[in-house]
Protein backbone atom coordinates (compact mmCIF):
# COMPACT_ATOMS: atom_id res chain seq x y z
CA MET A 1 -19.29 -34.71 -14.43
CA ARG A 2 -18.72 -35.93 -10.88
CA ARG A 3 -19.91 -34.99 -7.41
CA LEU A 4 -17.36 -33.70 -4.93
CA ASP A 5 -17.28 -35.12 -1.42
CA GLU A 6 -16.31 -33.17 1.69
CA GLN A 7 -12.66 -34.23 1.58
CA GLU A 8 -12.31 -33.18 -2.04
CA ILE A 9 -13.80 -29.79 -1.24
CA ARG A 10 -11.33 -29.29 1.59
CA ASP A 11 -8.42 -30.36 -0.64
CA ILE A 12 -9.49 -27.91 -3.35
CA ALA A 13 -9.74 -25.11 -0.79
CA ASN A 14 -6.27 -25.80 0.63
CA GLY A 15 -4.69 -26.15 -2.80
CA SER A 16 -6.45 -23.01 -4.02
CA ALA A 17 -5.06 -21.06 -1.07
CA ILE A 18 -1.56 -22.01 -2.20
CA LEU A 19 -2.25 -21.04 -5.82
CA GLY A 20 -4.04 -17.90 -4.65
CA THR A 21 -0.79 -16.10 -3.72
CA GLY A 22 -2.22 -14.74 -0.48
CA GLY A 23 -5.51 -13.50 -1.95
CA GLY A 24 -8.96 -14.64 -2.91
CA GLY A 25 -10.38 -14.47 0.61
CA ASP A 26 -9.97 -16.67 3.66
CA PRO A 27 -10.09 -20.32 2.47
CA TYR A 28 -11.16 -21.60 5.90
CA LEU A 29 -14.25 -19.40 5.98
CA GLY A 30 -15.00 -20.23 2.38
CA THR A 31 -14.80 -23.94 3.13
CA LEU A 32 -17.13 -23.66 6.12
CA ALA A 33 -19.71 -21.74 4.08
CA THR A 34 -19.53 -24.22 1.23
CA LEU A 35 -19.85 -27.26 3.47
CA GLU A 36 -22.86 -25.67 5.17
CA ALA A 37 -24.47 -25.13 1.76
CA VAL A 38 -23.64 -28.73 0.79
CA THR A 39 -25.30 -30.02 3.96
CA LYS A 40 -28.50 -28.18 3.04
CA HIS A 41 -28.54 -28.61 -0.73
CA GLY A 42 -26.33 -31.56 -1.68
CA ALA A 43 -22.84 -32.06 -3.13
CA PRO A 44 -21.55 -29.84 -5.95
CA GLN A 45 -21.11 -31.30 -9.41
CA LEU A 46 -17.78 -30.61 -11.12
CA MET A 47 -17.84 -30.82 -14.91
CA ASP A 48 -15.04 -30.72 -17.46
CA PRO A 49 -15.08 -27.73 -19.83
CA GLU A 50 -15.33 -30.08 -22.80
CA GLU A 51 -18.66 -31.35 -21.46
CA LEU A 52 -20.29 -27.94 -22.02
CA SER A 53 -22.47 -27.45 -25.06
CA ASP A 54 -21.32 -24.53 -27.20
CA ASP A 55 -24.52 -22.58 -26.56
CA SER A 56 -24.61 -23.05 -22.78
CA LEU A 57 -24.29 -19.93 -20.60
CA VAL A 58 -21.56 -19.79 -17.95
CA ALA A 59 -20.97 -17.00 -15.39
CA PHE A 60 -18.29 -16.24 -12.82
CA PRO A 61 -19.18 -15.42 -9.18
CA PHE A 62 -16.55 -13.91 -6.89
CA ILE A 63 -15.83 -11.58 -3.99
CA VAL A 64 -15.12 -7.94 -4.87
CA GLY A 65 -13.17 -5.85 -2.37
CA ALA A 66 -10.71 -6.16 0.47
CA PRO A 67 -10.18 -9.47 2.31
CA VAL A 68 -9.93 -7.99 5.82
CA PRO A 69 -13.57 -6.74 6.00
CA GLY A 70 -14.54 -9.96 4.24
CA VAL A 71 -13.58 -11.87 7.38
CA GLU A 72 -16.15 -9.86 9.32
CA LYS A 73 -18.88 -9.59 6.68
CA PHE A 74 -18.48 -13.14 5.31
CA PRO A 75 -20.22 -12.61 1.92
CA PHE A 76 -21.52 -16.13 1.31
CA GLY A 77 -25.22 -15.72 2.02
CA ASN A 78 -28.28 -14.83 0.00
CA GLU A 79 -26.42 -12.05 -1.79
CA LEU A 80 -24.75 -14.68 -4.01
CA ALA A 81 -28.04 -15.98 -5.38
CA GLN A 82 -29.37 -12.42 -5.59
CA ALA A 83 -26.46 -11.33 -7.80
CA LEU A 84 -26.95 -14.37 -10.06
CA ARG A 85 -30.70 -13.75 -10.44
CA THR A 86 -30.04 -10.09 -11.19
CA LEU A 87 -27.62 -11.07 -13.95
CA GLU A 88 -30.10 -13.59 -15.36
CA ASP A 89 -32.83 -10.95 -15.42
CA GLN A 90 -30.51 -8.65 -17.32
CA LEU A 91 -29.62 -11.37 -19.84
CA GLY A 92 -33.15 -12.74 -20.16
CA ARG A 93 -32.10 -16.36 -19.65
CA LYS A 94 -30.85 -18.77 -17.00
CA VAL A 95 -27.18 -19.44 -16.33
CA ASP A 96 -26.37 -23.11 -16.99
CA ALA A 97 -23.15 -23.39 -14.98
CA VAL A 98 -20.73 -21.32 -12.91
CA MET A 99 -16.95 -21.26 -12.92
CA SER A 100 -14.22 -19.79 -10.74
CA ALA A 101 -13.02 -16.35 -11.77
CA GLU A 102 -9.70 -17.13 -10.08
CA ILE A 103 -8.02 -19.94 -8.22
CA GLY A 104 -7.60 -18.46 -4.78
CA GLY A 105 -8.92 -19.10 -1.29
CA ALA A 106 -12.59 -18.31 -0.83
CA ASN A 107 -13.05 -17.35 -4.47
CA SER A 108 -12.58 -21.01 -5.40
CA MET A 109 -15.34 -21.92 -2.95
CA ILE A 110 -17.84 -19.22 -4.01
CA PRO A 111 -18.93 -21.04 -7.22
CA MET A 112 -19.54 -24.27 -5.30
CA SER A 113 -21.56 -22.53 -2.62
CA LEU A 114 -23.70 -20.79 -5.23
CA ALA A 115 -24.00 -23.82 -7.51
CA VAL A 116 -25.52 -26.08 -4.88
CA ARG A 117 -27.94 -23.35 -3.83
CA VAL A 118 -29.37 -22.96 -7.33
CA GLY A 119 -28.85 -26.50 -8.65
CA ILE A 120 -26.28 -26.04 -11.43
CA PRO A 121 -22.78 -27.51 -11.96
CA VAL A 122 -19.34 -25.97 -11.50
CA VAL A 123 -16.96 -26.00 -14.46
CA ASP A 124 -13.43 -27.24 -13.76
CA GLY A 125 -11.35 -24.18 -14.60
CA ASP A 126 -10.86 -20.46 -14.05
CA LEU A 127 -9.73 -17.21 -15.69
CA ILE A 128 -6.31 -16.64 -14.14
CA GLY A 129 -4.66 -19.78 -12.74
CA ARG A 130 -3.92 -17.79 -9.57
CA ALA A 131 -5.58 -14.79 -7.90
CA PHE A 132 -5.32 -11.17 -9.03
CA PRO A 133 -6.78 -8.12 -7.23
CA GLU A 134 -8.33 -6.43 -10.28
CA ILE A 135 -11.36 -7.55 -12.28
CA GLN A 136 -9.89 -6.91 -15.73
CA LEU A 137 -6.88 -9.19 -15.13
CA THR A 138 -8.29 -12.31 -16.78
CA THR A 139 -7.77 -14.43 -19.86
CA LEU A 140 -11.12 -13.15 -21.13
CA THR A 141 -9.73 -9.61 -21.29
CA LEU A 142 -6.84 -10.97 -23.35
CA HIS A 143 -9.43 -12.50 -25.69
CA GLY A 144 -11.42 -9.26 -25.96
CA ILE A 145 -14.44 -10.53 -23.98
CA HIS A 146 -16.39 -8.13 -21.76
CA ALA A 147 -17.01 -8.55 -18.04
CA SER A 148 -20.43 -6.89 -18.27
CA PRO A 149 -23.26 -7.17 -17.70
CA PHE A 150 -21.86 -7.41 -14.19
CA ALA A 151 -24.17 -7.81 -11.19
CA LEU A 152 -23.11 -6.92 -7.63
CA ALA A 153 -25.03 -7.41 -4.39
CA ASP A 154 -24.58 -6.92 -0.66
CA GLU A 155 -26.03 -8.56 2.44
CA HIS A 156 -28.72 -5.89 2.82
CA GLY A 157 -30.43 -6.66 -0.48
CA ASN A 158 -28.85 -3.84 -2.49
CA GLY A 159 -27.98 -4.70 -6.06
CA VAL A 160 -26.29 -3.02 -9.01
CA VAL A 161 -25.84 -4.04 -12.65
CA LEU A 162 -22.92 -2.57 -14.57
CA ASN A 163 -22.82 -2.20 -18.33
CA VAL A 164 -19.46 -0.68 -19.15
CA ILE A 165 -17.37 0.02 -22.22
CA ASP A 166 -14.46 -2.22 -21.22
CA ASN A 167 -13.11 -4.35 -18.39
CA PHE A 168 -10.93 -1.58 -16.99
CA TRP A 169 -14.06 0.47 -16.36
CA ALA A 170 -15.65 -2.63 -14.84
CA GLU A 171 -12.85 -2.69 -12.28
CA ARG A 172 -13.06 1.03 -11.52
CA ILE A 173 -16.82 1.16 -11.04
CA ALA A 174 -17.18 -2.21 -9.28
CA ARG A 175 -14.44 -1.18 -6.84
CA ALA A 176 -16.35 2.02 -6.03
CA VAL A 177 -19.57 0.06 -5.52
CA ALA A 178 -17.81 -2.45 -3.25
CA ILE A 179 -16.48 0.39 -1.11
CA GLU A 180 -20.02 1.76 -0.69
CA PHE A 181 -21.22 -1.74 0.17
CA GLY A 182 -18.79 -1.85 3.10
CA ALA A 183 -15.46 -2.51 1.32
CA VAL A 184 -16.52 -6.00 0.19
CA CYS A 185 -19.44 -7.57 -1.67
CA VAL A 186 -20.15 -10.32 -4.21
CA GLY A 187 -20.35 -10.06 -7.95
CA VAL A 188 -21.30 -12.28 -10.89
CA ALA A 189 -19.77 -11.27 -14.19
CA TYR A 190 -18.28 -12.36 -17.52
CA PRO A 191 -21.32 -14.26 -18.86
CA ILE A 192 -19.96 -16.31 -21.77
CA SER A 193 -20.92 -19.27 -23.92
CA GLY A 194 -19.67 -22.80 -23.60
CA LYS A 195 -17.78 -22.28 -26.85
CA GLN A 196 -15.98 -19.29 -25.35
CA VAL A 197 -15.15 -21.29 -22.22
CA LYS A 198 -13.41 -23.87 -24.38
CA VAL A 199 -11.16 -21.35 -26.16
CA ALA A 200 -10.67 -18.46 -23.70
CA THR A 201 -10.40 -19.93 -20.18
CA LEU A 202 -7.94 -22.09 -18.25
CA HIS A 203 -9.05 -25.69 -17.93
CA ARG A 204 -8.97 -28.15 -15.01
CA THR A 205 -7.33 -25.76 -12.58
CA VAL A 206 -9.82 -26.70 -9.85
CA SER A 207 -8.64 -30.31 -10.13
CA PHE A 208 -5.04 -29.09 -10.06
CA ALA A 209 -5.73 -27.25 -6.81
CA GLY A 210 -7.32 -30.41 -5.44
CA ARG A 211 -4.20 -32.44 -6.22
CA ILE A 212 -2.02 -29.94 -4.37
CA GLY A 213 -4.34 -29.99 -1.36
CA LYS A 214 -4.42 -33.79 -1.40
CA ALA A 215 -0.63 -34.01 -1.54
CA LEU A 216 -0.38 -31.67 1.44
CA ARG A 217 -2.93 -33.67 3.44
CA GLU A 218 -1.34 -37.03 2.66
CA ALA A 219 2.13 -35.76 3.57
CA LYS A 220 0.88 -34.65 6.97
CA ALA A 221 -0.85 -38.00 7.55
CA ALA A 222 2.33 -39.87 6.64
CA LYS A 223 4.45 -37.49 8.78
CA LYS A 224 6.44 -36.45 5.72
CA ASN A 225 7.67 -32.94 4.97
CA PRO A 226 4.54 -31.03 3.88
CA LEU A 227 6.51 -28.28 2.16
CA ASP A 228 8.28 -30.82 -0.04
CA ALA A 229 4.90 -32.31 -0.94
CA VAL A 230 3.52 -28.91 -1.95
CA LEU A 231 6.57 -28.07 -4.05
CA ALA A 232 6.39 -31.41 -5.85
CA ALA A 233 2.65 -31.21 -6.53
CA ALA A 234 2.73 -27.58 -7.68
CA ASP A 235 6.10 -27.80 -9.45
CA GLY A 236 7.28 -24.93 -7.26
CA VAL A 237 10.54 -23.74 -5.71
CA GLU A 238 11.39 -22.40 -2.27
CA VAL A 239 12.70 -18.85 -2.70
CA PHE A 240 13.01 -17.70 0.93
CA ARG A 241 12.59 -18.91 4.51
CA GLY A 242 12.54 -17.12 7.84
CA LYS A 243 10.51 -15.32 10.50
CA ILE A 244 8.08 -12.47 9.90
CA ILE A 245 9.44 -9.47 11.82
CA ASP A 246 7.02 -6.82 10.61
CA VAL A 247 3.71 -6.51 8.75
CA GLU A 248 2.40 -3.22 7.39
CA ARG A 249 -1.14 -3.49 6.07
CA ARG A 250 -3.90 -1.01 5.30
CA THR A 251 -7.21 -1.10 3.48
CA GLN A 252 -6.99 1.25 0.52
CA ARG A 253 -9.57 1.66 -2.26
CA GLY A 254 -11.06 -1.74 -1.48
CA TRP A 255 -7.73 -3.58 -1.32
CA ALA A 256 -5.48 -4.84 1.45
CA VAL A 257 -2.18 -3.12 0.61
CA GLY A 258 1.16 -3.48 2.38
CA GLU A 259 4.19 -5.67 2.89
CA ALA A 260 5.57 -8.39 5.12
CA VAL A 261 9.23 -8.23 6.22
CA ILE A 262 10.94 -11.58 6.79
CA ALA A 263 14.29 -12.13 8.52
CA GLY A 264 16.01 -15.06 6.84
CA SER A 265 16.91 -18.37 8.43
CA ASP A 266 18.72 -21.55 7.36
CA ARG A 267 20.41 -20.87 3.99
CA PHE A 268 18.86 -17.39 4.00
CA THR A 269 20.39 -16.33 7.35
CA ASN A 270 21.50 -12.67 7.50
CA ARG A 271 19.24 -11.80 4.57
CA VAL A 272 15.97 -9.84 4.65
CA ALA A 273 13.00 -10.31 2.34
CA ARG A 274 10.01 -8.08 1.71
CA VAL A 275 6.83 -9.42 0.15
CA ARG A 276 4.68 -6.59 -1.16
CA PHE A 277 1.01 -7.26 -1.70
CA GLN A 278 -2.23 -5.78 -2.99
CA ASN A 279 -4.68 -8.42 -1.78
CA GLU A 280 -2.26 -10.86 -3.49
CA ASN A 281 1.52 -11.10 -3.19
CA LEU A 282 3.03 -9.14 -6.07
CA VAL A 283 6.80 -9.03 -5.65
CA LEU A 284 9.48 -10.63 -3.50
CA MET A 285 12.49 -8.44 -2.74
CA VAL A 286 15.57 -9.89 -1.07
CA ASP A 287 18.10 -7.39 0.31
CA GLY A 288 16.42 -4.70 -1.78
CA GLU A 289 16.47 -6.57 -5.08
CA VAL A 290 13.34 -7.92 -6.81
CA VAL A 291 13.89 -11.66 -7.25
CA ALA A 292 10.33 -12.80 -8.10
CA SER A 293 7.29 -10.96 -9.39
CA VAL A 294 3.88 -11.19 -10.93
CA PRO A 295 2.59 -12.81 -13.01
CA ASP A 296 4.43 -15.75 -11.40
CA LEU A 297 2.93 -16.99 -8.14
CA ILE A 298 4.50 -15.95 -4.81
CA THR A 299 2.97 -17.71 -1.81
CA ILE A 300 3.81 -17.55 1.89
CA LEU A 301 3.39 -20.87 3.71
CA GLU A 302 3.67 -21.91 7.32
CA ALA A 303 7.12 -23.47 7.45
CA ASP A 304 6.04 -26.42 9.61
CA THR A 305 2.63 -27.27 8.13
CA GLY A 306 2.85 -26.12 4.50
CA ALA A 307 -0.48 -24.30 4.84
CA ALA A 308 -0.89 -21.06 2.88
CA ILE A 309 -1.18 -17.77 4.78
CA THR A 310 -3.44 -15.18 3.18
CA THR A 311 -2.36 -11.53 3.32
CA GLU A 312 -5.00 -10.60 5.90
CA ASN A 313 -3.66 -13.32 8.23
CA LEU A 314 0.06 -12.47 8.12
CA ARG A 315 1.36 -11.85 11.66
CA TYR A 316 4.60 -10.99 13.44
CA GLY A 317 6.51 -14.05 14.60
CA PHE A 318 5.21 -16.52 12.01
CA ARG A 319 7.92 -18.83 10.72
CA VAL A 320 7.37 -19.09 7.02
CA ALA A 321 8.60 -20.38 3.71
CA VAL A 322 8.07 -18.32 0.56
CA ILE A 323 7.58 -20.38 -2.58
CA GLY A 324 7.39 -19.50 -6.25
CA ILE A 325 5.29 -21.25 -8.90
CA ALA A 326 5.35 -20.57 -12.63
CA CYS A 327 2.25 -18.77 -13.90
CA GLN A 328 0.08 -20.04 -16.72
CA PRO A 329 1.84 -19.61 -20.10
CA ILE A 330 -0.69 -17.05 -21.37
CA TRP A 331 0.58 -14.55 -18.77
CA ARG A 332 4.10 -14.79 -20.19
CA THR A 333 3.00 -13.63 -23.63
CA GLU A 334 3.61 -10.03 -24.67
CA ALA A 335 -0.08 -9.22 -24.12
CA GLY A 336 -0.18 -11.05 -20.79
CA LEU A 337 2.83 -9.19 -19.42
CA ALA A 338 1.46 -5.88 -20.68
CA LEU A 339 -1.77 -6.52 -18.79
CA ALA A 340 -0.45 -7.99 -15.53
CA GLY A 341 3.34 -7.86 -15.49
CA PRO A 342 5.49 -5.92 -12.97
CA GLN A 343 5.02 -2.56 -14.73
CA HIS A 344 1.26 -2.70 -14.23
CA TRP A 345 1.89 -2.55 -10.48
CA GLY A 346 4.45 0.23 -10.68
CA TYR A 347 7.61 -1.89 -10.57
CA GLU A 348 10.02 -0.81 -13.30
CA VAL A 349 11.81 -4.14 -13.45
CA LYS A 350 12.13 -6.65 -16.23
CA TYR A 351 10.05 -9.78 -15.66
CA VAL A 352 12.24 -12.85 -15.21
CA PRO A 353 10.51 -16.27 -15.04
CA ILE A 354 10.70 -17.77 -11.57
CA GLU A 355 12.63 -20.82 -12.78
CA GLN A 356 15.33 -18.58 -14.29
CA GLY A 357 15.54 -16.04 -11.46
CA ALA A 358 14.87 -16.79 -7.81
CA GLY A 359 14.18 -20.44 -8.59
CA ALA A 360 17.61 -20.88 -10.13
CA ALA A 361 19.47 -19.19 -7.25
């Protein structure tokens, strides 16, 4: 177990934004909220999953809903602690540690902000290895572990506890609650034991995000190419480059849904890419053909700085690089692809690993 300093927190946030594939909430706002909590309550403690006792209780706090209203509502206040206490009341015991539900933007910061408020550690890992827009899309679902009891809270003091028959119903009902709470709220779900953490979650992904963020920062300081540094640290590939010429985005059923159109430049001149998203980037189409898709990671970066651009911040005129990163191996299994592969999102295309498809082009 170690305490994270301010620079490490910023590195984790920036690396998480890259792994978050455009989703997970604004990392800048998440960082500010976390650093404010750290100033008041002290530095967060990051512990390795193997340090957990088998009978310890771990829960997963995160933002539920669309990222655009999240910029305005900024759900990092007392509602986080309220949702945790509501879950503890339901379970009849205290939560011993929290862990990221996903590696992505603000959702990587939420556990730290909550942990320092209530005086418990953060476990180094998550449930996806990237960000996904639906609650059931986790490694715990693949292991048959329930999301409920699932506590949600808003900034007004409203709270709800869900006890549902499966994780697909958790997504449906939590999404409806989030819409009534103003299209975004916080939730704490998937209470599991330390033993379950060790066998059913992804380990040390927070540290991985921190290494990517550190590589980006050090490249900028040394006046080296930041994009090259990101690709090396994340073992990624550049799959497109150009200028955003159109963004279509709408809030639909608690998601930010739409696409960004990119006119190619450099080796992609005279080609056009479309990145379609549902909170997170789902598919990359070049000249009408799908060349990269979920569950692999598709991230849009500022071409000059290497910083990730979340879907709510995509704008006309941005010069960008689109990169691909291989997903965690569990998502390439038959069960993983059935749960979160292209067909789940309505794309009737065969999944091709990024390193064999767009990455090999």
